């Protein structure tokens, strides 16, 4: 298997990803998804899964509808090697304890697009 190097830094990749999750205009978010994800990109976590641009956009929109007013932020220092990036995130209102936190693992294509995202929920309400 060929080794791929990251075109962008792990921090840039994580920041781009979080920006997409925070975009609440569906048309703009769809454009960002089309630019950043392969056509058959997949997302999987314990609560949600989606494959393809339309499903990713719908999934993010549904999450936003459930958590109105909350925003995602990158936590800590993302890291990566070859074509894999690992980063942590928080979901919450500014200047408050995060509502939820998690860690995502992204596989990036040689041209810098998201191919797969596997999400882990570190702290969830309940």
N, C-alpha and C. Protein backbone atom coordinates (compact mmCIF):
# COMPACT_ATOMS: atom_id res chain seq x y z
N UNK A 1 0.85 -1.17 0.00
CA UNK A 1 0.00 0.00 0.00
C UNK A 1 0.90 1.24 0.00
N UNK A 2 0.57 2.21 -0.84
CA UNK A 2 1.36 3.43 -0.92
C UNK A 2 1.10 4.31 0.30
N UNK A 3 2.10 5.03 0.70
CA UNK A 3 1.98 5.95 1.82
C UNK A 3 1.62 7.33 1.30
N UNK A 4 0.66 7.96 1.93
CA UNK A 4 0.22 9.29 1.56
C UNK A 4 0.67 10.25 2.66
N UNK A 5 1.13 11.41 2.26
CA UNK A 5 1.45 12.43 3.25
C UNK A 5 0.34 13.46 3.26
N UNK A 6 0.13 14.10 4.39
CA UNK A 6 -0.92 15.09 4.53
C UNK A 6 -0.55 16.37 3.79
N UNK A 7 -1.48 16.89 2.98
CA UNK A 7 -1.26 18.15 2.27
C UNK A 7 -1.39 19.33 3.22
N UNK A 8 -2.28 19.23 4.17
CA UNK A 8 -2.50 20.29 5.16
C UNK A 8 -2.09 19.77 6.52
N UNK A 9 -1.88 20.68 7.44
CA UNK A 9 -1.54 20.27 8.80
C UNK A 9 -2.78 19.67 9.46
N UNK A 10 -2.59 18.81 10.44
CA UNK A 10 -3.74 18.27 11.17
C UNK A 10 -4.65 19.36 11.74
N UNK A 11 -4.06 20.46 12.21
CA UNK A 11 -4.87 21.55 12.76
C UNK A 11 -5.75 22.16 11.67
N UNK A 12 -5.22 22.38 10.49
CA UNK A 12 -6.02 22.95 9.40
C UNK A 12 -7.14 22.00 9.00
N UNK A 13 -6.85 20.72 8.96
CA UNK A 13 -7.87 19.72 8.60
C UNK A 13 -8.98 19.70 9.65
N UNK A 14 -8.62 19.69 10.93
CA UNK A 14 -9.61 19.67 12.00
C UNK A 14 -10.43 20.96 12.01
N UNK A 15 -9.78 22.08 11.79
CA UNK A 15 -10.48 23.38 11.77
C UNK A 15 -11.47 23.44 10.61
N UNK A 16 -11.07 22.96 9.45
CA UNK A 16 -11.96 22.92 8.28
C UNK A 16 -13.19 22.06 8.59
N UNK A 17 -12.97 20.92 9.19
CA UNK A 17 -14.04 19.99 9.54
C UNK A 17 -15.04 20.63 10.51
N UNK A 18 -14.54 21.24 11.57
CA UNK A 18 -15.39 21.88 12.57
C UNK A 18 -16.16 23.05 11.94
N UNK A 19 -15.51 23.78 11.05
CA UNK A 19 -16.17 24.89 10.36
C UNK A 19 -17.40 24.38 9.58
N UNK A 20 -17.26 23.25 8.94
CA UNK A 20 -18.39 22.66 8.20
C UNK A 20 -19.53 22.32 9.16
N UNK A 21 -19.20 21.73 10.30
CA UNK A 21 -20.24 21.38 11.28
C UNK A 21 -20.91 22.62 11.87
N UNK A 22 -20.23 23.76 11.88
CA UNK A 22 -20.81 24.98 12.42
C UNK A 22 -21.57 25.81 11.38
N UNK A 23 -21.44 25.47 10.09
CA UNK A 23 -22.14 26.23 9.05
C UNK A 23 -23.62 25.88 9.08
N UNK A 24 -24.46 26.86 9.41
CA UNK A 24 -25.89 26.55 9.55
C UNK A 24 -26.72 26.89 8.32
N UNK A 25 -26.11 27.41 7.27
CA UNK A 25 -26.81 27.62 6.01
C UNK A 25 -26.65 26.34 5.18
N UNK A 26 -27.75 25.60 4.93
CA UNK A 26 -27.63 24.31 4.25
C UNK A 26 -26.95 24.38 2.88
N UNK A 27 -27.21 25.43 2.10
CA UNK A 27 -26.60 25.54 0.77
C UNK A 27 -25.10 25.79 0.89
N UNK A 28 -24.70 26.69 1.78
CA UNK A 28 -23.26 26.93 1.97
C UNK A 28 -22.57 25.70 2.54
N UNK A 29 -23.25 25.03 3.49
CA UNK A 29 -22.67 23.82 4.07
C UNK A 29 -22.50 22.74 3.00
N UNK A 30 -23.47 22.59 2.13
CA UNK A 30 -23.38 21.60 1.05
C UNK A 30 -22.18 21.91 0.16
N UNK A 31 -21.97 23.17 -0.17
CA UNK A 31 -20.81 23.56 -0.99
C UNK A 31 -19.51 23.21 -0.28
N UNK A 32 -19.43 23.50 1.01
CA UNK A 32 -18.22 23.17 1.78
C UNK A 32 -18.00 21.66 1.81
N UNK A 33 -19.07 20.91 1.97
CA UNK A 33 -18.96 19.44 1.98
C UNK A 33 -18.46 18.94 0.64
N UNK A 34 -19.01 19.47 -0.45
CA UNK A 34 -18.57 19.04 -1.78
C UNK A 34 -17.09 19.33 -2.02
N UNK A 35 -16.61 20.43 -1.46
CA UNK A 35 -15.20 20.80 -1.62
C UNK A 35 -14.29 19.93 -0.74
N UNK A 36 -14.76 19.57 0.43
CA UNK A 36 -13.89 18.93 1.42
C UNK A 36 -13.98 17.41 1.47
N UNK A 37 -15.09 16.83 1.00
CA UNK A 37 -15.32 15.39 1.11
C UNK A 37 -15.38 14.74 -0.27
N UNK A 38 -14.91 13.51 -0.36
CA UNK A 38 -15.09 12.75 -1.59
C UNK A 38 -16.59 12.49 -1.78
N UNK A 39 -17.03 12.20 -3.01
CA UNK A 39 -18.46 11.97 -3.23
C UNK A 39 -19.05 10.83 -2.38
N UNK A 40 -18.26 9.82 -2.07
CA UNK A 40 -18.75 8.68 -1.27
C UNK A 40 -18.18 8.68 0.14
N UNK A 41 -17.78 9.85 0.62
CA UNK A 41 -17.23 9.95 1.98
C UNK A 41 -18.25 9.43 2.99
N UNK A 42 -17.72 8.84 4.06
CA UNK A 42 -18.62 8.30 5.09
C UNK A 42 -18.26 8.86 6.46
N UNK A 43 -19.30 8.94 7.29
CA UNK A 43 -19.17 9.36 8.69
C UNK A 43 -19.88 8.31 9.53
N UNK A 44 -19.23 7.88 10.62
CA UNK A 44 -19.84 6.92 11.53
C UNK A 44 -19.45 7.28 12.96
N UNK A 45 -20.44 7.37 13.83
CA UNK A 45 -20.19 7.45 15.27
C UNK A 45 -21.24 6.58 15.95
N UNK A 46 -21.25 6.49 17.28
CA UNK A 46 -22.22 5.60 17.93
C UNK A 46 -23.69 5.99 17.72
N UNK A 47 -23.96 7.25 17.32
CA UNK A 47 -25.33 7.71 17.19
C UNK A 47 -25.79 7.96 15.76
N UNK A 48 -24.85 8.23 14.85
CA UNK A 48 -25.22 8.64 13.50
C UNK A 48 -24.28 8.01 12.48
N UNK A 49 -24.77 7.93 11.25
CA UNK A 49 -23.90 7.56 10.15
C UNK A 49 -24.47 8.13 8.86
N UNK A 50 -23.58 8.41 7.93
CA UNK A 50 -23.98 8.97 6.65
C UNK A 50 -22.93 8.63 5.60
N UNK A 51 -23.38 8.50 4.34
CA UNK A 51 -22.48 8.27 3.22
C UNK A 51 -22.91 9.20 2.09
N UNK A 52 -21.97 9.96 1.56
CA UNK A 52 -22.25 10.86 0.45
C UNK A 52 -22.59 12.26 0.89
N UNK A 53 -22.45 13.20 -0.04
CA UNK A 53 -22.62 14.62 0.27
C UNK A 53 -24.00 14.96 0.81
N UNK A 54 -25.05 14.48 0.16
CA UNK A 54 -26.40 14.82 0.59
C UNK A 54 -26.69 14.28 1.99
N UNK A 55 -26.30 13.05 2.25
CA UNK A 55 -26.53 12.45 3.57
C UNK A 55 -25.70 13.15 4.65
N UNK A 56 -24.47 13.52 4.33
CA UNK A 56 -23.64 14.26 5.30
C UNK A 56 -24.29 15.60 5.63
N UNK A 57 -24.75 16.31 4.62
CA UNK A 57 -25.39 17.60 4.84
C UNK A 57 -26.64 17.46 5.70
N UNK A 58 -27.45 16.46 5.40
CA UNK A 58 -28.67 16.23 6.18
C UNK A 58 -28.35 15.85 7.62
N UNK A 59 -27.34 15.01 7.81
CA UNK A 59 -26.96 14.59 9.15
C UNK A 59 -26.49 15.78 9.99
N UNK A 60 -25.64 16.62 9.41
CA UNK A 60 -25.15 17.79 10.14
C UNK A 60 -26.30 18.74 10.44
N UNK A 61 -27.20 18.94 9.48
CA UNK A 61 -28.36 19.79 9.72
C UNK A 61 -29.24 19.27 10.86
N UNK A 62 -29.42 17.96 10.92
CA UNK A 62 -30.21 17.36 11.99
C UNK A 62 -29.54 17.55 13.34
N UNK A 63 -28.22 17.40 13.38
CA UNK A 63 -27.49 17.62 14.63
C UNK A 63 -27.62 19.07 15.07
N UNK A 64 -27.52 19.99 14.13
CA UNK A 64 -27.66 21.41 14.48
C UNK A 64 -29.06 21.72 15.01
N UNK A 65 -30.08 21.10 14.43
CA UNK A 65 -31.45 21.31 14.90
C UNK A 65 -31.64 20.79 16.32
N UNK A 66 -30.91 19.76 16.67
CA UNK A 66 -31.01 19.18 18.01
C UNK A 66 -30.25 20.02 19.04
N UNK A 67 -29.19 20.71 18.60
CA UNK A 67 -28.33 21.45 19.53
C UNK A 67 -28.26 22.93 19.15
N UNK A 68 -29.41 23.56 19.07
CA UNK A 68 -29.52 24.96 18.64
C UNK A 68 -28.68 25.85 19.55
N UNK A 69 -27.90 26.70 18.92
CA UNK A 69 -27.09 27.68 19.66
C UNK A 69 -25.75 27.17 20.13
N UNK A 70 -25.48 25.87 19.96
CA UNK A 70 -24.19 25.32 20.38
C UNK A 70 -23.26 25.26 19.18
N UNK A 71 -21.95 25.40 19.45
CA UNK A 71 -20.96 25.40 18.38
C UNK A 71 -19.86 24.41 18.69
N UNK A 72 -19.28 23.87 17.62
CA UNK A 72 -18.14 22.97 17.74
C UNK A 72 -16.85 23.76 17.77
N UNK A 73 -15.88 23.27 18.52
CA UNK A 73 -14.53 23.84 18.58
C UNK A 73 -13.53 22.70 18.60
N UNK A 74 -12.35 22.97 18.07
CA UNK A 74 -11.25 22.00 18.14
C UNK A 74 -10.67 22.06 19.54
N UNK A 75 -10.45 20.91 20.15
CA UNK A 75 -9.83 20.81 21.47
C UNK A 75 -8.40 20.32 21.32
N UNK A 76 -7.49 20.88 22.07
CA UNK A 76 -6.13 20.36 22.10
C UNK A 76 -5.40 20.51 20.78
N UNK A 77 -4.46 19.60 20.56
CA UNK A 77 -3.60 19.63 19.38
C UNK A 77 -3.87 18.43 18.50
N UNK A 78 -4.53 18.64 17.36
CA UNK A 78 -4.73 17.53 16.43
C UNK A 78 -3.39 16.96 15.98
N UNK A 79 -3.38 15.67 15.71
CA UNK A 79 -2.15 15.07 15.19
C UNK A 79 -2.49 14.12 14.05
N UNK A 80 -1.48 13.71 13.34
CA UNK A 80 -1.71 12.83 12.23
C UNK A 80 -0.42 12.27 11.67
N UNK A 81 -0.58 11.28 10.86
CA UNK A 81 0.55 10.70 10.12
C UNK A 81 -0.02 10.04 8.88
N UNK A 82 0.83 9.91 7.89
CA UNK A 82 0.41 9.34 6.61
C UNK A 82 -0.87 10.03 6.15
N UNK A 83 -1.96 9.32 6.05
CA UNK A 83 -3.20 9.94 5.59
C UNK A 83 -4.30 9.91 6.66
N UNK A 84 -3.91 9.88 7.93
CA UNK A 84 -4.86 9.80 9.04
C UNK A 84 -4.66 10.97 9.99
N UNK A 85 -5.77 11.60 10.38
CA UNK A 85 -5.74 12.71 11.33
C UNK A 85 -6.65 12.37 12.49
N UNK A 86 -6.15 12.64 13.69
CA UNK A 86 -6.93 12.43 14.92
C UNK A 86 -7.07 13.78 15.61
N UNK A 87 -8.29 14.12 15.98
CA UNK A 87 -8.51 15.40 16.67
C UNK A 87 -9.69 15.28 17.61
N UNK A 88 -9.66 16.11 18.63
CA UNK A 88 -10.75 16.17 19.60
C UNK A 88 -11.52 17.46 19.40
N UNK A 89 -12.77 17.44 19.80
CA UNK A 89 -13.66 18.58 19.63
C UNK A 89 -14.56 18.72 20.85
N UNK A 90 -15.14 19.91 20.97
CA UNK A 90 -16.16 20.13 22.00
C UNK A 90 -17.36 20.78 21.35
N UNK A 91 -18.50 20.60 21.97
CA UNK A 91 -19.75 21.21 21.52
C UNK A 91 -20.32 21.94 22.73
N UNK A 92 -20.55 23.24 22.56
CA UNK A 92 -21.09 24.01 23.66
C UNK A 92 -21.28 25.46 23.30
N UNK A 93 -21.73 26.21 24.29
CA UNK A 93 -21.87 27.66 24.15
C UNK A 93 -20.56 28.30 24.61
N UNK A 94 -20.26 29.49 24.09
CA UNK A 94 -19.02 30.16 24.50
C UNK A 94 -18.96 30.36 26.02
N UNK A 95 -17.77 30.21 26.56
CA UNK A 95 -17.49 30.48 27.98
C UNK A 95 -18.31 29.61 28.94
N UNK A 96 -18.67 28.41 28.51
CA UNK A 96 -19.37 27.48 29.39
C UNK A 96 -18.70 26.11 29.29
N UNK A 97 -19.02 25.27 30.24
CA UNK A 97 -18.55 23.89 30.19
C UNK A 97 -19.11 23.22 28.94
N UNK A 98 -18.30 22.48 28.19
CA UNK A 98 -18.82 21.83 26.97
C UNK A 98 -19.99 20.90 27.27
N UNK A 99 -20.98 20.91 26.41
CA UNK A 99 -22.13 20.04 26.48
C UNK A 99 -21.72 18.61 26.13
N UNK A 100 -20.83 18.49 25.14
CA UNK A 100 -20.34 17.19 24.69
C UNK A 100 -18.92 17.35 24.17
N UNK A 101 -18.15 16.28 24.22
CA UNK A 101 -16.81 16.25 23.63
C UNK A 101 -16.62 14.92 22.92
N UNK A 102 -15.69 14.91 22.00
CA UNK A 102 -15.42 13.68 21.28
C UNK A 102 -14.07 13.70 20.60
N UNK A 103 -13.72 12.60 20.00
CA UNK A 103 -12.50 12.46 19.23
C UNK A 103 -12.86 11.81 17.91
N UNK A 104 -12.40 12.41 16.82
CA UNK A 104 -12.68 11.88 15.50
C UNK A 104 -11.39 11.47 14.81
N UNK A 105 -11.48 10.44 14.02
CA UNK A 105 -10.36 9.94 13.22
C UNK A 105 -10.77 10.11 11.76
N UNK A 106 -9.97 10.87 11.01
CA UNK A 106 -10.28 11.14 9.60
C UNK A 106 -9.22 10.50 8.71
N UNK A 107 -9.68 9.85 7.66
CA UNK A 107 -8.79 9.35 6.62
C UNK A 107 -8.91 10.33 5.46
N UNK A 108 -7.76 10.83 5.02
CA UNK A 108 -7.68 11.88 4.01
C UNK A 108 -7.11 11.30 2.72
N UNK A 109 -7.70 11.67 1.59
CA UNK A 109 -7.20 11.20 0.29
C UNK A 109 -5.90 11.92 -0.06
N UNK A 110 -5.17 11.42 -1.05
CA UNK A 110 -3.93 12.10 -1.46
C UNK A 110 -4.13 13.56 -1.87
N UNK A 111 -5.32 13.91 -2.38
CA UNK A 111 -5.55 15.31 -2.76
C UNK A 111 -6.17 16.13 -1.63
N UNK A 112 -6.24 15.58 -0.42
CA UNK A 112 -6.63 16.35 0.75
C UNK A 112 -8.10 16.32 1.11
N UNK A 113 -8.91 15.45 0.53
CA UNK A 113 -10.33 15.37 0.88
C UNK A 113 -10.58 14.32 1.96
N UNK A 114 -11.65 14.55 2.72
CA UNK A 114 -12.07 13.57 3.70
C UNK A 114 -12.64 12.36 2.97
N UNK A 115 -12.18 11.17 3.37
CA UNK A 115 -12.69 9.93 2.80
C UNK A 115 -13.58 9.20 3.80
N UNK A 116 -13.10 9.06 5.02
CA UNK A 116 -13.91 8.48 6.09
C UNK A 116 -13.65 9.26 7.37
N UNK A 117 -14.68 9.33 8.20
CA UNK A 117 -14.57 9.91 9.53
C UNK A 117 -15.19 8.88 10.48
N UNK A 118 -14.45 8.53 11.51
CA UNK A 118 -14.98 7.68 12.57
C UNK A 118 -14.96 8.51 13.83
N UNK A 119 -16.13 8.70 14.43
CA UNK A 119 -16.25 9.54 15.61
C UNK A 119 -16.44 8.73 16.88
N UNK A 120 -15.83 9.23 17.95
CA UNK A 120 -15.97 8.64 19.28
C UNK A 120 -16.49 9.73 20.20
N UNK A 121 -17.50 9.42 20.98
CA UNK A 121 -18.10 10.37 21.92
C UNK A 121 -17.45 10.17 23.28
N UNK A 122 -16.71 11.19 23.72
CA UNK A 122 -16.00 11.10 25.00
C UNK A 122 -16.88 11.53 26.16
N UNK A 123 -17.69 12.56 25.94
CA UNK A 123 -18.60 13.06 26.97
C UNK A 123 -19.90 13.42 26.28
N UNK A 124 -20.98 12.76 26.70
CA UNK A 124 -22.28 13.08 26.15
C UNK A 124 -23.25 13.29 27.31
N UNK A 125 -24.25 14.13 27.10
CA UNK A 125 -25.21 14.37 28.18
C UNK A 125 -26.05 13.13 28.44
N UNK A 126 -26.52 13.04 29.64
CA UNK A 126 -27.42 11.93 29.92
C UNK A 126 -27.07 11.29 31.16
